[in-house]
Structures are given as C-alpha cells and as structure tokens.
Protein backbone atom coordinates (compact mmCIF):
# COMPACT_ATOMS: atom_id res chain seq x y z
CA UNK A 1 0.00 0.00 0.00
CA UNK A 2 1.06 3.52 -0.67
CA UNK A 3 -0.43 6.85 0.31
CA UNK A 4 -2.39 6.79 -2.95
CA UNK A 5 -3.93 3.37 -2.32
CA UNK A 6 -3.08 -0.02 -3.78
CA UNK A 7 -0.16 -0.32 -6.19
CA UNK A 8 -1.28 -1.91 -9.45
CA UNK A 9 0.84 -4.78 -10.74
CA UNK A 10 0.66 -6.93 -13.89
CA UNK A 11 1.74 -10.55 -14.10
CA UNK A 12 2.67 -12.58 -17.19
CA UNK A 13 3.59 -16.19 -17.93
CA UNK A 14 5.57 -16.87 -21.15
CA UNK A 15 6.56 -20.10 -22.91
CA UNK A 16 9.63 -19.85 -25.17
CA UNK A 17 11.40 -22.49 -27.24
CA UNK A 18 13.40 -23.15 -30.39
CA UNK A 19 11.13 -25.86 -31.82
CA UNK A 20 13.92 -28.48 -31.62
CA UNK A 21 13.76 -29.58 -27.99
CA UNK A 22 14.72 -26.48 -25.99
CA UNK A 23 11.84 -24.97 -24.05
CA UNK A 24 11.41 -22.76 -20.98
CA UNK A 25 8.63 -21.22 -18.90
CA UNK A 26 9.04 -17.83 -17.23
CA UNK A 27 7.00 -15.58 -14.97
CA UNK A 28 7.30 -11.81 -14.70
CA UNK A 29 5.71 -9.01 -12.70
CA UNK A 30 5.83 -5.29 -13.42
CA UNK A 31 3.77 -2.12 -13.16
CA UNK A 32 2.74 -2.41 -16.83
CA UNK A 33 1.94 -5.39 -19.07
CA UNK A 34 4.82 -4.85 -21.51
CA UNK A 35 7.39 -4.89 -18.73
CA UNK A 36 5.85 -8.03 -17.24
CA UNK A 37 6.01 -9.86 -20.59
CA UNK A 38 9.63 -8.77 -21.12
CA UNK A 39 10.67 -10.03 -17.67
CA UNK A 40 8.75 -13.28 -18.20
CA UNK A 41 10.48 -13.88 -21.55
CA UNK A 42 13.91 -13.25 -19.99
CA UNK A 43 13.09 -15.74 -17.22
CA UNK A 44 11.85 -18.29 -19.77
CA UNK A 45 15.17 -18.08 -21.64
CA UNK A 46 17.07 -18.47 -18.35
CA UNK A 47 15.00 -21.58 -17.58
CA UNK A 48 15.58 -23.31 -20.94
CA UNK A 49 15.56 -27.08 -20.55
CA UNK A 50 16.07 -29.84 -23.13
CA UNK A 51 13.06 -32.06 -23.84
CA UNK A 52 13.79 -35.54 -25.18
CA UNK A 53 11.55 -36.28 -28.18
CA UNK A 54 10.73 -39.77 -29.44
CA UNK A 55 11.32 -40.00 -33.21
CA UNK A 56 11.66 -36.19 -33.18
CA UNK A 57 7.89 -35.67 -33.01
CA UNK A 58 6.30 -36.95 -29.76
CA UNK A 59 7.01 -38.13 -26.19
CA UNK A 60 8.20 -41.69 -25.51
CA UNK A 61 5.45 -42.89 -23.17
CA UNK A 62 2.27 -41.83 -21.36
CA UNK A 63 3.11 -39.64 -18.36
CA UNK A 64 0.95 -38.35 -15.53
CA UNK A 65 2.04 -35.68 -13.07
CA UNK A 66 0.69 -33.45 -10.33
CA UNK A 67 1.64 -29.96 -9.21
CA UNK A 68 -0.40 -28.25 -6.50
CA UNK A 69 -4.02 -29.19 -7.35
CA UNK A 70 -3.44 -29.63 -11.11
CA UNK A 71 -3.04 -33.11 -12.57
CA UNK A 72 -1.82 -33.39 -16.17
CA UNK A 73 -1.81 -36.50 -18.36
CA UNK A 74 0.14 -36.52 -21.65
CA UNK A 75 -0.03 -39.35 -24.18
CA UNK A 76 2.11 -40.04 -27.28
CA UNK A 77 0.22 -40.31 -30.57
CA UNK A 78 0.91 -41.76 -34.04
CA UNK A 79 2.39 -39.68 -36.87
CA UNK A 80 -0.04 -37.11 -38.28
CA UNK A 81 -2.28 -37.04 -35.19
CA UNK A 82 -1.36 -33.46 -34.31
CA UNK A 83 -1.56 -31.60 -31.01
CA UNK A 84 -4.84 -32.11 -29.16
CA UNK A 85 -4.27 -30.46 -25.83
CA UNK A 86 -5.39 -27.48 -23.73
CA UNK A 87 -3.97 -24.13 -24.95
CA UNK A 88 -1.18 -23.86 -22.36
CA UNK A 89 0.12 -27.39 -23.02
CA UNK A 90 -0.34 -26.88 -26.78
CA UNK A 91 1.97 -23.82 -26.65
CA UNK A 92 4.53 -25.72 -24.56
CA UNK A 93 4.56 -28.73 -26.91
CA UNK A 94 4.76 -26.57 -30.04
CA UNK A 95 7.67 -24.58 -28.56
CA UNK A 96 9.49 -27.84 -27.77
CA UNK A 97 8.99 -29.19 -31.29
CA UNK A 98 6.49 -31.89 -30.33
CA UNK A 99 4.02 -32.46 -33.18
CA UNK A 100 1.91 -35.48 -32.11
CA UNK A 101 0.50 -35.43 -28.57
CA UNK A 102 -2.76 -35.50 -26.65
CA UNK A 103 -3.14 -34.16 -23.12
CA UNK A 104 -5.77 -33.58 -20.48
CA UNK A 105 -6.00 -31.64 -17.22
CA UNK A 106 -7.82 -32.76 -14.09
CA UNK A 107 -8.45 -30.50 -11.12
CA UNK A 108 -7.29 -26.89 -11.21
CA UNK A 109 -6.67 -25.41 -14.66
CA UNK A 110 -4.50 -22.57 -13.35
CA UNK A 111 -2.10 -21.99 -16.27
CA UNK A 112 0.98 -21.43 -14.12
CA UNK A 113 0.47 -24.68 -12.20
CA UNK A 114 -0.36 -26.61 -15.39
CA UNK A 115 2.81 -25.36 -17.12
CA UNK A 116 5.01 -26.14 -14.11
CA UNK A 117 3.52 -29.64 -13.95
CA UNK A 118 3.99 -30.25 -17.69
CA UNK A 119 7.59 -28.96 -17.64
CA UNK A 120 8.40 -31.27 -14.74
CA UNK A 121 7.06 -34.25 -16.67
CA UNK A 122 8.91 -33.48 -19.90
C-alpha cells in the first residue's frame, strides 16, 4: 500500500522455445503489461531445458504428473495425429517441437500450475 492506495501490478507467464527440444517457462511481474512480458520472456530463456523427443515428433510414453491441485496426463500419438491439448500445453509442446501429442488436465486449470507440472514431466 502507498499513500495513494493499492499499487497496481501486472503478471505474465511466457513459454519460449526453439522448436527443436529447448523450451522454458518464465514468470514476470511489473507495473505495466509490456514490462511483465519482457521479464517473463527473460526468465523463460534463463529456464531453458532440453526435452527428449521420441522420433523427433512426440514423447516416448504416457506420463501423468501433479503440481499443486493440477493433474496433467500426456499421451504419445501416431504420426499425423497433431496436437490435441489445452492451450497452455499446446503452446509448450509446439515450442518444444512436439508435433503429435494429446493431453488432459484434471483438477485446477491454473495456467501457471499446469505449465510447471507439464515442464516437470517433460
């Protein structure tokens, strides 16, 4: 709190990747949206991690993980199936270069928790 009342703050979550296995998730906070996105992108690049891809297009096996109250299940799919997943996981998979995958979320659909869970599983 300040003498003028509450201080307004913006928050952003960004997924960044090179499309060939490197992917990162970053969070940023700032007084304006542009600054929050810039900080989030910088944090995503700092958090780059390599994702192992099966045949260069999907994950090797079905995985299920939990973070906070979000449970994510990701399944490999045959060539040409495409990405059938919630928007946050779709962005993460596309950034990592995964082309054939299906995923589902149980429990909380909070994007930050879902992305942290998915990154931990990959």
